[in-house]
Structure formats: C-alpha cells, structure tokens
C-alpha cells in the first residue's frame, strides 16, 4: 500500500481516494476489483461514478508521482541519444513479450 495521502483540499474526495485505495490493495486482479467495486457501489448514476473515478485517477497521476520507476530515473540521468536508445529497446522488448503471451 502506498504511503501517499491525498491532500486535494476536498475532504470527501480525499476520503474516497483512500477508501478506493484500500479496496484496490485487497484485490489481486482487476477482475476481482471490478466485481468488488460493482458490489459496493451505491449509485446507478454512471456520470457521477465516472466523475469520481476520474478524480481519483487525476489525484493518483497528478499527486502520487513521488515513486518513479527505476527506468524513468535512468532516462532522466542519460543524454538524449542514450535516452532514445533505451526507449526504443523498451518498446521492442515489450512488443516481443506481447507476442509471446
């Protein structure tokens, strides 16, 4: 579980984020999470749900960027030529891995 505590200035949003994070951490797969989410959701208003989920996504992507992946740290520490080589290597490697799944 992330030690990140959102501080959006919206107490309800911060609580919703933390509650959702707890549920996500309990689930081992996305399918397990979506089943749990659909079970606990208290509204049929998909527009409202989408708004809250987008807010949570926004908070996560905007504020919880303190834990950079080692690859990202590496890219920040090399020159542009090496950075492009590493990005190309990663892209090719991921495509090969995707073909093997």
N, C-alpha and C. Protein backbone atom coordinates (compact mmCIF):
# COMPACT_ATOMS: atom_id res chain seq x y z
N UNK A 1 0.85 -1.18 0.00
CA UNK A 1 0.00 0.00 0.00
C UNK A 1 0.88 1.23 0.00
N UNK A 2 0.50 2.18 -0.79
CA UNK A 2 1.24 3.43 -0.88
C UNK A 2 1.09 4.23 0.40
N UNK A 3 2.13 4.92 0.77
CA UNK A 3 2.08 5.79 1.93
C UNK A 3 1.52 7.15 1.56
N UNK A 4 1.15 7.31 0.32
CA UNK A 4 0.64 8.57 -0.19
C UNK A 4 -0.70 8.91 0.46
N UNK A 5 -0.82 10.14 0.93
CA UNK A 5 -2.08 10.64 1.45
C UNK A 5 -2.48 11.83 0.61
N UNK A 6 -3.60 11.73 -0.09
CA UNK A 6 -4.00 12.85 -0.94
C UNK A 6 -4.37 14.07 -0.10
N UNK A 7 -4.10 15.22 -0.64
CA UNK A 7 -4.45 16.47 0.02
C UNK A 7 -4.98 17.41 -1.06
N UNK A 8 -6.18 17.10 -1.51
CA UNK A 8 -6.75 17.86 -2.61
C UNK A 8 -7.48 19.11 -2.14
N UNK A 9 -7.68 19.21 -0.84
CA UNK A 9 -8.47 20.31 -0.31
C UNK A 9 -9.95 19.97 -0.24
N UNK A 10 -10.31 18.80 -0.74
CA UNK A 10 -11.68 18.31 -0.72
C UNK A 10 -11.70 17.07 0.17
N UNK A 11 -12.18 17.24 1.40
CA UNK A 11 -12.13 16.15 2.38
C UNK A 11 -12.84 14.90 1.87
N UNK A 12 -14.01 15.08 1.25
CA UNK A 12 -14.77 13.95 0.73
C UNK A 12 -13.98 13.21 -0.36
N UNK A 13 -13.32 13.98 -1.22
CA UNK A 13 -12.51 13.38 -2.28
C UNK A 13 -11.33 12.62 -1.70
N UNK A 14 -10.66 13.21 -0.72
CA UNK A 14 -9.52 12.54 -0.10
C UNK A 14 -9.94 11.23 0.55
N UNK A 15 -11.07 11.23 1.23
CA UNK A 15 -11.59 10.01 1.86
C UNK A 15 -11.96 8.96 0.81
N UNK A 16 -12.59 9.40 -0.27
CA UNK A 16 -12.97 8.47 -1.34
C UNK A 16 -11.72 7.84 -1.95
N UNK A 17 -10.70 8.65 -2.16
CA UNK A 17 -9.45 8.15 -2.72
C UNK A 17 -8.85 7.08 -1.82
N UNK A 18 -8.76 7.38 -0.53
CA UNK A 18 -8.16 6.42 0.41
C UNK A 18 -8.99 5.15 0.51
N UNK A 19 -10.32 5.28 0.52
CA UNK A 19 -11.18 4.10 0.56
C UNK A 19 -11.00 3.23 -0.68
N UNK A 20 -10.95 3.86 -1.84
CA UNK A 20 -10.74 3.12 -3.07
C UNK A 20 -9.38 2.44 -3.06
N UNK A 21 -8.37 3.13 -2.56
CA UNK A 21 -7.02 2.56 -2.49
C UNK A 21 -6.99 1.31 -1.63
N UNK A 22 -7.71 1.31 -0.52
CA UNK A 22 -7.78 0.14 0.35
C UNK A 22 -8.38 -1.04 -0.41
N UNK A 23 -9.46 -0.80 -1.15
CA UNK A 23 -10.09 -1.88 -1.91
C UNK A 23 -9.17 -2.39 -3.01
N UNK A 24 -8.50 -1.49 -3.67
CA UNK A 24 -7.57 -1.90 -4.74
C UNK A 24 -6.46 -2.77 -4.17
N UNK A 25 -5.93 -2.38 -3.03
CA UNK A 25 -4.83 -3.13 -2.43
C UNK A 25 -5.26 -4.53 -1.99
N UNK A 26 -6.53 -4.73 -1.68
CA UNK A 26 -7.03 -6.03 -1.24
C UNK A 26 -7.20 -6.99 -2.42
N UNK A 27 -7.39 -6.47 -3.61
CA UNK A 27 -7.68 -7.31 -4.78
C UNK A 27 -6.39 -7.66 -5.51
N UNK A 28 -6.33 -8.90 -5.95
CA UNK A 28 -5.14 -9.37 -6.65
C UNK A 28 -5.21 -9.13 -8.15
N UNK A 29 -6.41 -9.00 -8.69
CA UNK A 29 -6.57 -8.78 -10.13
C UNK A 29 -7.60 -7.67 -10.36
N UNK A 30 -7.58 -7.12 -11.56
CA UNK A 30 -8.56 -6.10 -11.91
C UNK A 30 -9.97 -6.69 -11.90
N UNK A 31 -10.12 -7.91 -12.41
CA UNK A 31 -11.44 -8.54 -12.42
C UNK A 31 -12.00 -8.68 -11.02
N UNK A 32 -11.15 -9.07 -10.08
CA UNK A 32 -11.58 -9.18 -8.69
C UNK A 32 -11.98 -7.82 -8.15
N UNK A 33 -11.21 -6.79 -8.49
CA UNK A 33 -11.54 -5.44 -8.03
C UNK A 33 -12.85 -4.95 -8.62
N UNK A 34 -13.07 -5.14 -9.92
CA UNK A 34 -14.28 -4.62 -10.55
C UNK A 34 -15.51 -5.31 -9.99
N UNK A 35 -15.42 -6.60 -9.69
CA UNK A 35 -16.54 -7.30 -9.05
C UNK A 35 -16.82 -6.70 -7.68
N UNK A 36 -15.78 -6.47 -6.93
CA UNK A 36 -15.94 -5.86 -5.60
C UNK A 36 -16.50 -4.45 -5.73
N UNK A 37 -15.98 -3.68 -6.65
CA UNK A 37 -16.44 -2.31 -6.85
C UNK A 37 -17.92 -2.28 -7.21
N UNK A 38 -18.31 -3.13 -8.14
CA UNK A 38 -19.72 -3.18 -8.55
C UNK A 38 -20.62 -3.60 -7.39
N UNK A 39 -20.10 -4.41 -6.48
CA UNK A 39 -20.88 -4.84 -5.33
C UNK A 39 -21.07 -3.70 -4.32
N UNK A 40 -20.03 -2.90 -4.10
CA UNK A 40 -20.11 -1.87 -3.06
C UNK A 40 -20.65 -0.53 -3.54
N UNK A 41 -20.70 -0.33 -4.85
CA UNK A 41 -21.15 0.97 -5.36
C UNK A 41 -22.59 1.23 -4.94
N UNK A 42 -22.86 2.47 -4.58
CA UNK A 42 -24.17 2.81 -4.01
C UNK A 42 -25.02 3.66 -4.94
N UNK A 43 -24.68 3.73 -6.21
CA UNK A 43 -25.45 4.54 -7.14
C UNK A 43 -25.45 3.90 -8.52
N UNK A 44 -26.50 4.19 -9.26
CA UNK A 44 -26.58 3.76 -10.66
C UNK A 44 -26.22 4.91 -11.59
N UNK A 45 -25.88 6.04 -11.02
CA UNK A 45 -25.56 7.24 -11.80
C UNK A 45 -24.15 7.11 -12.36
N UNK A 46 -24.05 6.62 -13.60
CA UNK A 46 -22.73 6.37 -14.18
C UNK A 46 -21.96 7.67 -14.41
N UNK A 47 -22.66 8.75 -14.66
CA UNK A 47 -21.97 10.03 -14.83
C UNK A 47 -21.27 10.43 -13.53
N UNK A 48 -21.95 10.28 -12.42
CA UNK A 48 -21.36 10.58 -11.11
C UNK A 48 -20.18 9.65 -10.83
N UNK A 49 -20.37 8.35 -11.09
CA UNK A 49 -19.28 7.38 -10.87
C UNK A 49 -18.06 7.72 -11.72
N UNK A 50 -18.29 8.02 -12.99
CA UNK A 50 -17.18 8.37 -13.87
C UNK A 50 -16.45 9.61 -13.37
N UNK A 51 -17.21 10.59 -12.90
CA UNK A 51 -16.59 11.80 -12.38
C UNK A 51 -15.70 11.49 -11.18
N UNK A 52 -16.21 10.69 -10.24
CA UNK A 52 -15.41 10.35 -9.07
C UNK A 52 -14.18 9.51 -9.45
N UNK A 53 -14.38 8.54 -10.34
CA UNK A 53 -13.25 7.71 -10.74
C UNK A 53 -12.19 8.53 -11.48
N UNK A 54 -12.64 9.48 -12.31
CA UNK A 54 -11.68 10.35 -12.99
C UNK A 54 -10.95 11.25 -11.99
N UNK A 55 -11.65 11.70 -10.97
CA UNK A 55 -10.99 12.50 -9.93
C UNK A 55 -9.92 11.67 -9.22
N UNK A 56 -10.27 10.42 -8.90
CA UNK A 56 -9.30 9.55 -8.23
C UNK A 56 -8.09 9.32 -9.13
N UNK A 57 -8.36 9.06 -10.40
CA UNK A 57 -7.27 8.87 -11.36
C UNK A 57 -6.41 10.12 -11.45
N UNK A 58 -7.05 11.27 -11.50
CA UNK A 58 -6.32 12.53 -11.56
C UNK A 58 -5.43 12.71 -10.34
N UNK A 59 -6.00 12.50 -9.16
CA UNK A 59 -5.22 12.64 -7.92
C UNK A 59 -4.03 11.70 -7.95
N UNK A 60 -4.27 10.46 -8.35
CA UNK A 60 -3.19 9.48 -8.38
C UNK A 60 -2.08 9.88 -9.34
N UNK A 61 -2.47 10.30 -10.53
CA UNK A 61 -1.47 10.63 -11.54
C UNK A 61 -0.80 11.98 -11.28
N UNK A 62 -1.53 12.92 -10.74
CA UNK A 62 -1.01 14.26 -10.51
C UNK A 62 -0.17 14.36 -9.24
N UNK A 63 -0.65 13.75 -8.18
CA UNK A 63 -0.03 13.95 -6.88
C UNK A 63 0.84 12.78 -6.42
N UNK A 64 0.58 11.59 -6.89
CA UNK A 64 1.31 10.42 -6.41
C UNK A 64 2.42 10.03 -7.37
N UNK A 65 3.21 11.00 -7.77
CA UNK A 65 4.29 10.71 -8.72
C UNK A 65 5.66 10.72 -8.04
N UNK A 66 5.67 10.51 -6.73
CA UNK A 66 6.93 10.53 -5.99
C UNK A 66 7.73 9.26 -6.21
N UNK A 67 7.06 8.15 -6.48
CA UNK A 67 7.74 6.87 -6.67
C UNK A 67 7.97 6.62 -8.15
N UNK A 68 9.06 7.13 -8.65
CA UNK A 68 9.37 6.91 -10.06
C UNK A 68 9.97 5.52 -10.23
N UNK A 69 9.65 4.94 -11.35
CA UNK A 69 10.22 3.64 -11.69
C UNK A 69 11.71 3.84 -11.98
N UNK A 70 12.50 2.82 -11.70
CA UNK A 70 13.94 2.91 -11.92
C UNK A 70 14.27 3.23 -13.38
N UNK A 71 13.46 2.74 -14.31
CA UNK A 71 13.70 3.02 -15.72
C UNK A 71 13.55 4.52 -15.99
N UNK A 72 12.54 5.13 -15.39
CA UNK A 72 12.34 6.58 -15.54
C UNK A 72 13.49 7.36 -14.94
N UNK A 73 13.98 6.91 -13.82
CA UNK A 73 15.14 7.57 -13.19
C UNK A 73 16.36 7.47 -14.10
N UNK A 74 16.52 6.30 -14.71
CA UNK A 74 17.63 6.09 -15.64
C UNK A 74 17.53 7.04 -16.83
N UNK A 75 16.33 7.16 -17.39
CA UNK A 75 16.13 8.05 -18.54
C UNK A 75 16.47 9.50 -18.20
N UNK A 76 16.20 9.90 -16.98
CA UNK A 76 16.49 11.27 -16.57
C UNK A 76 17.99 11.52 -16.42
N UNK A 77 18.74 10.45 -16.25
CA UNK A 77 20.17 10.62 -15.96
C UNK A 77 21.09 10.47 -17.17
N UNK A 78 20.53 10.17 -18.34
CA UNK A 78 21.37 9.97 -19.52
C UNK A 78 21.10 11.04 -20.56
N UNK A 79 22.02 11.13 -21.54
CA UNK A 79 21.84 12.12 -22.60
C UNK A 79 20.72 11.69 -23.55
N UNK A 80 20.33 12.59 -24.45
CA UNK A 80 19.18 12.36 -25.33
C UNK A 80 19.37 11.15 -26.25
N UNK A 81 20.59 10.93 -26.74
CA UNK A 81 20.83 9.81 -27.64
C UNK A 81 20.62 8.49 -26.89
N UNK A 82 21.20 8.38 -25.72
CA UNK A 82 21.07 7.16 -24.92
C UNK A 82 19.61 6.97 -24.48
N UNK A 83 18.95 8.07 -24.15
CA UNK A 83 17.54 8.02 -23.74
C UNK A 83 16.70 7.40 -24.86
N UNK A 84 16.92 7.85 -26.10
CA UNK A 84 16.16 7.33 -27.23
C UNK A 84 16.48 5.86 -27.46
N UNK A 85 17.75 5.48 -27.32
CA UNK A 85 18.12 4.07 -27.47
C UNK A 85 17.41 3.20 -26.44
N UNK A 86 17.36 3.67 -25.20
CA UNK A 86 16.71 2.92 -24.14
C UNK A 86 15.20 2.82 -24.37
N UNK A 87 14.59 3.91 -24.81
CA UNK A 87 13.15 3.89 -25.10
C UNK A 87 12.85 2.90 -26.23
N UNK A 88 13.68 2.93 -27.28
CA UNK A 88 13.49 2.01 -28.40
C UNK A 88 13.65 0.56 -27.93
N UNK A 89 14.67 0.31 -27.12
CA UNK A 89 14.89 -1.03 -26.60
C UNK A 89 13.67 -1.50 -25.80
N UNK A 90 13.14 -0.64 -24.94
CA UNK A 90 11.98 -1.00 -24.14
C UNK A 90 10.77 -1.30 -25.02
N UNK A 91 10.53 -0.46 -26.00
CA UNK A 91 9.39 -0.65 -26.90
C UNK A 91 9.49 -1.98 -27.64
N UNK A 92 10.68 -2.28 -28.19
CA UNK A 92 10.88 -3.54 -28.92
C UNK A 92 10.72 -4.72 -27.97
N UNK A 93 11.28 -4.62 -26.77
CA UNK A 93 11.18 -5.70 -25.80
C UNK A 93 9.74 -5.96 -25.39
N UNK A 94 8.98 -4.90 -25.19
CA UNK A 94 7.57 -5.06 -24.79
C UNK A 94 6.76 -5.68 -25.91
N UNK A 95 7.03 -5.28 -27.15
CA UNK A 95 6.32 -5.88 -28.29
C UNK A 95 6.63 -7.36 -28.41
N UNK A 96 7.90 -7.74 -28.23
CA UNK A 96 8.28 -9.15 -28.28
C UNK A 96 7.58 -9.92 -27.17
N UNK A 97 7.56 -9.34 -25.99
CA UNK A 97 6.91 -10.01 -24.85
C UNK A 97 5.42 -10.17 -25.11
N UNK A 98 4.80 -9.15 -25.70
CA UNK A 98 3.36 -9.22 -26.02
C UNK A 98 3.06 -10.31 -27.02
N UNK A 99 3.98 -10.56 -27.93
CA UNK A 99 3.77 -11.60 -28.93
C UNK A 99 3.86 -12.99 -28.30
N UNK A 100 4.56 -13.10 -27.18
CA UNK A 100 4.75 -14.39 -26.53
C UNK A 100 3.65 -14.72 -25.53
N UNK A 101 2.72 -13.79 -25.36
CA UNK A 101 1.66 -14.05 -24.37
C UNK A 101 0.52 -14.79 -25.00
